[in-house]
Amino acid sequence: MRFSLTLIAALAAATSSVAAQDVAGIVSQIPSCALTCIATAAMGQSCAITDYKCQCEKMSAIQAAATPCVTTKCKPDEAL
């Protein structure tokens, strides 16, 4: 799914000492319909919305929690 790949790229970039604007650019590629789903899933793993290290460490759990929400909230072409 596109949001999953973008999320992975965003988290990898954040933990690779990439400038904040680079992370923001990557995050901006996540469909708006998925943002709340991903944020909720991250907070469910006790990660702050800007704690990219935490999100990277718990990426699998966040992705698993966010996927059902994203597939409900986003159109198929947005969620791929």
PDB file of N, CA and C in Angstrom:
ATOM      1  N   MET A   1       0.838  -1.172   0.000  1.00  0.00           N
ATOM      2  CA  MET A   1       0.000   0.000   0.000  1.00  0.00           C
ATOM      3  C   MET A   1       0.885   1.238   0.000  1.00  0.00           C
ATOM      4  N   ARG A   2       0.492   2.247  -0.747  1.00  0.00           N
ATOM      5  CA  ARG A   2       1.302   3.449  -0.889  1.00  0.00           C
ATOM      6  C   ARG A   2       1.553   4.117   0.460  1.00  0.00           C
ATOM      7  N   PHE A   3       0.510   4.226   1.299  1.00  0.00           N
ATOM      8  CA  PHE A   3       0.716   4.900   2.574  1.00  0.00           C
ATOM      9  C   PHE A   3       1.744   4.156   3.411  1.00  0.00           C
ATOM     10  N   SER A   4       1.788   2.825   3.312  1.00  0.00           N
ATOM     11  CA  SER A   4       2.752   2.038   4.074  1.00  0.00           C
ATOM     12  C   SER A   4       4.171   2.343   3.630  1.00  0.00           C
ATOM     13  N   LEU A   5       4.377   2.394   2.326  1.00  0.00           N
ATOM     14  CA  LEU A   5       5.706   2.694   1.809  1.00  0.00           C
ATOM     15  C   LEU A   5       6.123   4.106   2.170  1.00  0.00           C
ATOM     16  N   THR A   6       5.195   5.038   2.102  1.00  0.00           N
ATOM     17  CA  THR A   6       5.505   6.416   2.462  1.00  0.00           C
ATOM     18  C   THR A   6       5.807   6.517   3.941  1.00  0.00           C
ATOM     19  N   LEU A   7       5.033   5.822   4.761  1.00  0.00           N
ATOM     20  CA  LEU A   7       5.269   5.828   6.204  1.00  0.00           C
ATOM     21  C   LEU A   7       6.641   5.252   6.516  1.00  0.00           C
ATOM     22  N   ILE A   8       6.988   4.157   5.882  1.00  0.00           N
ATOM     23  CA  ILE A   8       8.302   3.546   6.089  1.00  0.00           C
ATOM     24  C   ILE A   8       9.406   4.516   5.685  1.00  0.00           C
ATOM     25  N   ALA A   9       9.242   5.161   4.533  1.00  0.00           N
ATOM     26  CA  ALA A   9      10.246   6.124   4.070  1.00  0.00           C
ATOM     27  C   ALA A   9      10.355   7.301   5.025  1.00  0.00           C
ATOM     28  N   ALA A  10       9.230   7.776   5.511  1.00  0.00           N
ATOM     29  CA  ALA A  10       9.245   8.914   6.435  1.00  0.00           C
ATOM     30  C   ALA A  10       9.964   8.553   7.725  1.00  0.00           C
ATOM     31  N   LEU A  11       9.665   7.391   8.247  1.00  0.00           N
ATOM     32  CA  LEU A  11      10.293   6.979   9.495  1.00  0.00           C
ATOM     33  C   LEU A  11      11.779   6.707   9.307  1.00  0.00           C
ATOM     34  N   ALA A  12      12.139   6.098   8.189  1.00  0.00           N
ATOM     35  CA  ALA A  12      13.555   5.848   7.911  1.00  0.00           C
ATOM     36  C   ALA A  12      14.310   7.156   7.753  1.00  0.00           C
ATOM     37  N   ALA A  13      13.719   8.087   7.049  1.00  0.00           N
ATOM     38  CA  ALA A  13      14.363   9.387   6.850  1.00  0.00           C
ATOM     39  C   ALA A  13      14.530  10.117   8.170  1.00  0.00           C
ATOM     40  N   ALA A  14      13.537  10.034   9.010  1.00  0.00           N
ATOM     41  CA  ALA A  14      13.589  10.740  10.289  1.00  0.00           C
ATOM     42  C   ALA A  14      14.697  10.201  11.179  1.00  0.00           C
ATOM     43  N   THR A  15      14.950   8.918  11.112  1.00  0.00           N
ATOM     44  CA  THR A  15      15.975   8.329  11.960  1.00  0.00           C
ATOM     45  C   THR A  15      17.345   8.380  11.311  1.00  0.00           C
ATOM     46  N   SER A  16      17.432   8.909  10.106  1.00  0.00           N
ATOM     47  CA  SER A  16      18.703   9.003   9.394  1.00  0.00           C
ATOM     48  C   SER A  16      19.259  10.413   9.403  1.00  0.00           C
ATOM     49  N   SER A  17      18.866  11.219  10.379  1.00  0.00           N
ATOM     50  CA  SER A  17      19.343  12.595  10.522  1.00  0.00           C
ATOM     51  C   SER A  17      19.042  13.452   9.302  1.00  0.00           C
ATOM     52  N   VAL A  18      17.917  13.238   8.683  1.00  0.00           N
ATOM     53  CA  VAL A  18      17.492  14.056   7.559  1.00  0.00           C
ATOM     54  C   VAL A  18      16.893  15.332   8.124  1.00  0.00           C
ATOM     55  N   ALA A  19      17.098  16.442   7.434  1.00  0.00           N
ATOM     56  CA  ALA A  19      16.566  17.726   7.891  1.00  0.00           C
ATOM     57  C   ALA A  19      15.060  17.656   8.038  1.00  0.00           C
ATOM     58  N   ALA A  20      14.518  18.460   8.953  1.00  0.00           N
ATOM     59  CA  ALA A  20      13.082  18.442   9.237  1.00  0.00           C
ATOM     60  C   ALA A  20      12.255  18.694   7.993  1.00  0.00           C
ATOM     61  N   GLN A  21      12.707  19.588   7.115  1.00  0.00           N
ATOM     62  CA  GLN A  21      11.920  19.854   5.917  1.00  0.00           C
ATOM     63  C   GLN A  21      11.878  18.642   4.989  1.00  0.00           C
ATOM     64  N   ASP A  22      12.917  17.795   5.015  1.00  0.00           N
ATOM     65  CA  ASP A  22      12.900  16.578   4.215  1.00  0.00           C
ATOM     66  C   ASP A  22      11.856  15.600   4.751  1.00  0.00           C
ATOM     67  N   VAL A  23      11.794  15.458   6.076  1.00  0.00           N
ATOM     68  CA  VAL A  23      10.788  14.594   6.689  1.00  0.00           C
ATOM     69  C   VAL A  23       9.402  15.138   6.374  1.00  0.00           C
ATOM     70  N   ALA A  24       9.243  16.450   6.499  1.00  0.00           N
ATOM     71  CA  ALA A  24       7.945  17.063   6.197  1.00  0.00           C
ATOM     72  C   ALA A  24       7.554  16.805   4.753  1.00  0.00           C
ATOM     73  N   GLY A  25       8.509  16.840   3.852  1.00  0.00           N
ATOM     74  CA  GLY A  25       8.227  16.571   2.444  1.00  0.00           C
ATOM     75  C   GLY A  25       7.770  15.141   2.218  1.00  0.00           C
ATOM     76  N   ILE A  26       8.405  14.218   2.916  1.00  0.00           N
ATOM     77  CA  ILE A  26       8.019  12.809   2.792  1.00  0.00           C
ATOM     78  C   ILE A  26       6.646  12.591   3.409  1.00  0.00           C
ATOM     79  N   VAL A  27       6.432  13.150   4.593  1.00  0.00           N
ATOM     80  CA  VAL A  27       5.143  12.999   5.268  1.00  0.00           C
ATOM     81  C   VAL A  27       4.029  13.616   4.433  1.00  0.00           C
ATOM     82  N   SER A  28       4.338  14.686   3.711  1.00  0.00           N
ATOM     83  CA  SER A  28       3.315  15.333   2.881  1.00  0.00           C
ATOM     84  C   SER A  28       2.827  14.422   1.759  1.00  0.00           C
ATOM     85  N   GLN A  29       3.550  13.352   1.476  1.00  0.00           N
ATOM     86  CA  GLN A  29       3.139  12.401   0.444  1.00  0.00           C
ATOM     87  C   GLN A  29       2.094  11.403   0.954  1.00  0.00           C
ATOM     88  N   ILE A  30       1.898  11.360   2.253  1.00  0.00           N
ATOM     89  CA  ILE A  30       0.884  10.469   2.818  1.00  0.00           C
ATOM     90  C   ILE A  30      -0.479  11.075   2.510  1.00  0.00           C
ATOM     91  N   PRO A  31      -1.391  10.294   1.947  1.00  0.00           N
ATOM     92  CA  PRO A  31      -2.724  10.831   1.642  1.00  0.00           C
ATOM     93  C   PRO A  31      -3.386  11.394   2.900  1.00  0.00           C
ATOM     94  N   SER A  32      -4.043  12.529   2.763  1.00  0.00           N
ATOM     95  CA  SER A  32      -4.671  13.173   3.919  1.00  0.00           C
ATOM     96  C   SER A  32      -5.691  12.263   4.592  1.00  0.00           C
ATOM     97  N   CYS A  33      -6.320  11.390   3.826  1.00  0.00           N
ATOM     98  CA  CYS A  33      -7.301  10.471   4.404  1.00  0.00           C
ATOM     99  C   CYS A  33      -6.656   9.490   5.388  1.00  0.00           C
ATOM    100  N   ALA A  34      -5.343   9.287   5.287  1.00  0.00           N
ATOM    101  CA  ALA A  34      -4.646   8.321   6.136  1.00  0.00           C
ATOM    102  C   ALA A  34      -3.993   8.945   7.359  1.00  0.00           C
ATOM    103  N   LEU A  35      -3.863  10.257   7.383  1.00  0.00           N
ATOM    104  CA  LEU A  35      -3.104  10.913   8.452  1.00  0.00           C
ATOM    105  C   LEU A  35      -3.655  10.636   9.845  1.00  0.00           C
ATOM    106  N   THR A  36      -4.956  10.777  10.018  1.00  0.00           N
ATOM    107  CA  THR A  36      -5.545  10.532  11.335  1.00  0.00           C
ATOM    108  C   THR A  36      -5.372   9.075  11.737  1.00  0.00           C
ATOM    109  N   CYS A  37      -5.523   8.181  10.788  1.00  0.00           N
ATOM    110  CA  CYS A  37      -5.355   6.749  11.069  1.00  0.00           C
ATOM    111  C   CYS A  37      -3.947   6.457  11.578  1.00  0.00           C
ATOM    112  N   ILE A  38      -2.960   7.008  10.894  1.00  0.00           N
ATOM    113  CA  ILE A  38      -1.569   6.765  11.259  1.00  0.00           C
ATOM    114  C   ILE A  38      -1.242   7.431  12.591  1.00  0.00           C
ATOM    115  N   ALA A  39      -1.711   8.654  12.780  1.00  0.00           N
ATOM    116  CA  ALA A  39      -1.457   9.361  14.042  1.00  0.00           C
ATOM    117  C   ALA A  39      -2.077   8.612  15.216  1.00  0.00           C
ATOM    118  N   THR A  40      -3.296   8.137  15.043  1.00  0.00           N
ATOM    119  CA  THR A  40      -3.974   7.388  16.102  1.00  0.00           C
ATOM    120  C   THR A  40      -3.230   6.094  16.403  1.00  0.00           C
ATOM    121  N   ALA A  41      -2.787   5.410  15.355  1.00  0.00           N
ATOM    122  CA  ALA A  41      -2.041   4.166  15.544  1.00  0.00           C
ATOM    123  C   ALA A  41      -0.717   4.426  16.257  1.00  0.00           C
ATOM    124  N   ALA A  42      -0.045   5.511  15.909  1.00  0.00           N
ATOM    125  CA  ALA A  42       1.224   5.860  16.561  1.00  0.00           C
ATOM    126  C   ALA A  42       0.999   6.171  18.034  1.00  0.00           C
ATOM    127  N   MET A  43      -0.024   6.959  18.321  1.00  0.00           N
ATOM    128  CA  MET A  43      -0.321   7.291  19.715  1.00  0.00           C
ATOM    129  C   MET A  43      -0.732   6.049  20.496  1.00  0.00           C
ATOM    130  N   GLY A  44      -1.372   5.099  19.820  1.00  0.00           N
ATOM    131  CA  GLY A  44      -1.739   3.840  20.457  1.00  0.00           C
ATOM    132  C   GLY A  44      -0.527   3.012  20.862  1.00  0.00           C
ATOM    133  N   GLN A  45       0.608   3.303  20.244  1.00  0.00           N
ATOM    134  CA  GLN A  45       1.867   2.639  20.591  1.00  0.00           C
ATOM    135  C   GLN A  45       2.716   3.513  21.516  1.00  0.00           C
ATOM    136  N   SER A  46       2.089   4.547  22.087  1.00  0.00           N
ATOM    137  CA  SER A  46       2.740   5.500  23.002  1.00  0.00           C
ATOM    138  C   SER A  46       3.830   6.323  22.331  1.00  0.00           C
ATOM    139  N   CYS A  47       3.673   6.578  21.031  1.00  0.00           N
ATOM    140  CA  CYS A  47       4.609   7.422  20.294  1.00  0.00           C
ATOM    141  C   CYS A  47       3.967   8.786  20.063  1.00  0.00           C
ATOM    142  N   ALA A  48       4.676   9.842  20.407  1.00  0.00           N
ATOM    143  CA  ALA A  48       4.194  11.184  20.094  1.00  0.00           C
ATOM    144  C   ALA A  48       4.200  11.354  18.578  1.00  0.00           C
ATOM    145  N   ILE A  49       3.369  12.247  18.090  1.00  0.00           N
ATOM    146  CA  ILE A  49       3.223  12.425  16.650  1.00  0.00           C
ATOM    147  C   ILE A  49       4.536  12.846  15.986  1.00  0.00           C
ATOM    148  N   THR A  50       5.419  13.504  16.719  1.00  0.00           N
ATOM    149  CA  THR A  50       6.707  13.922  16.158  1.00  0.00           C
ATOM    150  C   THR A  50       7.874  13.071  16.648  1.00  0.00           C
ATOM    151  N   ASP A  51       7.591  11.998  17.363  1.00  0.00           N
ATOM    152  CA  ASP A  51       8.651  11.110  17.854  1.00  0.00           C
ATOM    153  C   ASP A  51       8.911  10.033  16.808  1.00  0.00           C
ATOM    154  N   TYR A  52       9.681  10.412  15.789  1.00  0.00           N
ATOM    155  CA  TYR A  52       9.923   9.515  14.662  1.00  0.00           C
ATOM    156  C   TYR A  52      10.756   8.303  15.057  1.00  0.00           C
ATOM    157  N   LYS A  53      11.614   8.446  16.050  1.00  0.00           N
ATOM    158  CA  LYS A  53      12.402   7.300  16.507  1.00  0.00           C
ATOM    159  C   LYS A  53      11.480   6.229  17.077  1.00  0.00           C
ATOM    160  N   CYS A  54      10.558   6.648  17.931  1.00  0.00           N
ATOM    161  CA  CYS A  54       9.587   5.717  18.510  1.00  0.00           C
ATOM    162  C   CYS A  54       8.754   5.071  17.409  1.00  0.00           C
ATOM    163  N   GLN A  55       8.300   5.896  16.473  1.00  0.00           N
ATOM    164  CA  GLN A  55       7.470   5.386  15.387  1.00  0.00           C
ATOM    165  C   GLN A  55       8.233   4.384  14.529  1.00  0.00           C
ATOM    166  N   CYS A  56       9.519   4.639  14.312  1.00  0.00           N
ATOM    167  CA  CYS A  56      10.324   3.712  13.522  1.00  0.00           C
ATOM    168  C   CYS A  56      10.486   2.384  14.260  1.00  0.00           C
ATOM    169  N   GLU A  57      10.752   2.467  15.553  1.00  0.00           N
ATOM    170  CA  GLU A  57      10.931   1.261  16.357  1.00  0.00           C
ATOM    171  C   GLU A  57       9.657   0.422  16.426  1.00  0.00           C
ATOM    172  N   LYS A  58       8.507   1.075  16.338  1.00  0.00           N
ATOM    173  CA  LYS A  58       7.228   0.372  16.459  1.00  0.00           C
ATOM    174  C   LYS A  58       6.455   0.369  15.141  1.00  0.00           C
ATOM    175  N   MET A  59       7.187   0.496  14.029  1.00  0.00           N
ATOM    176  CA  MET A  59       6.583   0.640  12.717  1.00  0.00           C
ATOM    177  C   MET A  59       5.621  -0.497  12.365  1.00  0.00           C
ATOM    178  N   SER A  60       5.998  -1.729  12.635  1.00  0.00           N
ATOM    179  CA  SER A  60       5.130  -2.859  12.280  1.00  0.00           C
ATOM    180  C   SER A  60       3.794  -2.792  13.008  1.00  0.00           C
ATOM    181  N   ALA A  61       3.834  -2.485  14.285  1.00  0.00           N
ATOM    182  CA  ALA A  61       2.598  -2.394  15.067  1.00  0.00           C
ATOM    183  C   ALA A  61       1.750  -1.214  14.615  1.00  0.00           C
ATOM    184  N   ILE A  62       2.399  -0.090  14.319  1.00  0.00           N
ATOM    185  CA  ILE A  62       1.666   1.090  13.849  1.00  0.00           C
ATOM    186  C   ILE A  62       1.018   0.798  12.507  1.00  0.00           C
ATOM    187  N   GLN A  63       1.763   0.187  11.613  1.00  0.00           N
ATOM    188  CA  GLN A  63       1.226  -0.151  10.295  1.00  0.00           C
ATOM    189  C   GLN A  63       0.049  -1.114  10.419  1.00  0.00           C
ATOM    190  N   ALA A  64       0.191  -2.131  11.265  1.00  0.00           N
ATOM    191  CA  ALA A  64      -0.891  -3.102  11.449  1.00  0.00           C
ATOM    192  C   ALA A  64      -2.141  -2.437  12.016  1.00  0.00           C
ATOM    193  N   ALA A  65      -1.948  -1.509  12.949  1.00  0.00           N
ATOM    194  CA  ALA A  65      -3.094  -0.826  13.551  1.00  0.00           C
ATOM    195  C   ALA A  65      -3.729   0.170  12.591  1.00  0.00           C
ATOM    196  N   ALA A  66      -2.930   0.822  11.762  1.00  0.00           N
ATOM    197  CA  ALA A  66      -3.441   1.855  10.858  1.00  0.00           C
ATOM    198  C   ALA A  66      -4.108   1.289   9.609  1.00  0.00           C
ATOM    199  N   THR A  67      -3.689   0.129   9.158  1.00  0.00           N
ATOM    200  CA  THR A  67      -4.169  -0.408   7.880  1.00  0.00           C
ATOM    201  C   THR A  67      -5.686  -0.545   7.795  1.00  0.00           C
ATOM    202  N   PRO A  68      -6.372  -1.138   8.773  1.00  0.00           N
ATOM    203  CA  PRO A  68      -7.837  -1.240   8.650  1.00  0.00           C
ATOM    204  C   PRO A  68      -8.514   0.126   8.548  1.00  0.00           C
ATOM    205  N   CYS A  69      -8.020   1.083   9.299  1.00  0.00           N
ATOM    206  CA  CYS A  69      -8.577   2.438   9.261  1.00  0.00           C
ATOM    207  C   CYS A  69      -8.347   3.069   7.892  1.00  0.00           C
ATOM    208  N   VAL A  70      -7.133   2.938   7.377  1.00  0.00           N
ATOM    209  CA  VAL A  70      -6.806   3.542   6.078  1.00  0.00           C
ATOM    210  C   VAL A  70      -7.663   2.938   4.972  1.00  0.00           C
ATOM    211  N   THR A  71      -7.846   1.633   5.001  1.00  0.00           N
ATOM    212  CA  THR A  71      -8.646   1.011   3.946  1.00  0.00           C
ATOM    213  C   THR A  71     -10.113   1.416   4.032  1.00  0.00           C
ATOM    214  N   THR A  72     -10.552   1.841   5.215  1.00  0.00           N
ATOM    215  CA  THR A  72     -11.917   2.337   5.385  1.00  0.00           C
ATOM    216  C   THR A  72     -12.036   3.804   4.995  1.00  0.00           C
ATOM    217  N   LYS A  73     -11.060   4.612   5.378  1.00  0.00           N
ATOM    218  CA  LYS A  73     -11.127   6.064   5.191  1.00  0.00           C
ATOM    219  C   LYS A  73     -10.676   6.534   3.807  1.00  0.00           C
ATOM    220  N   CYS A  74      -9.843   5.762   3.135  1.00  0.00           N
ATOM    221  CA  CYS A  74      -9.269   6.188   1.855  1.00  0.00           C
ATOM    222  C   CYS A  74      -9.873   5.419   0.687  1.00  0.00           C
ATOM    223  N   LYS A  75      -9.895   6.061  -0.458  1.00  0.00           N
ATOM    224  CA  LYS A  75     -10.299   5.385  -1.688  1.00  0.00           C
ATOM    225  C   LYS A  75      -9.212   4.374  -2.035  1.00  0.00           C
ATOM    226  N   PRO A  76      -9.556   3.313  -2.767  1.00  0.00           N
ATOM    227  CA  PRO A  76      -8.556   2.290  -3.084  1.00  0.00           C
ATOM    228  C   PRO A  76      -7.287   2.848  -3.739  1.00  0.00           C
ATOM    229  N   ASP A  77      -7.425   3.797  -4.656  1.00  0.00           N
ATOM    230  CA  ASP A  77      -6.230   4.323  -5.318  1.00  0.00           C
ATOM    231  C   ASP A  77      -5.373   5.165  -4.376  1.00  0.00           C
ATOM    232  N   GLU A  78      -5.948   5.698  -3.307  1.00  0.00           N
ATOM    233  CA  GLU A  78      -5.177   6.453  -2.324  1.00  0.00           C
ATOM    234  C   GLU A  78      -4.461   5.519  -1.360  1.00  0.00           C
ATOM    235  N   ALA A  79      -5.063   4.387  -1.070  1.00  0.00           N
ATOM    236  CA  ALA A  79      -4.525   3.459  -0.081  1.00  0.00           C
ATOM    237  C   ALA A  79      -3.489   2.506  -0.665  1.00  0.00           C
ATOM    238  N   LEU A  80      -3.352   2.453  -1.956  1.00  0.00           N
ATOM    239  CA  LEU A  80      -2.394   1.527  -2.573  1.00  0.00           C
ATOM    240  C   LEU A  80      -1.001   2.071  -2.557  1.00  0.00           C
TER     241      LEU A  80
END
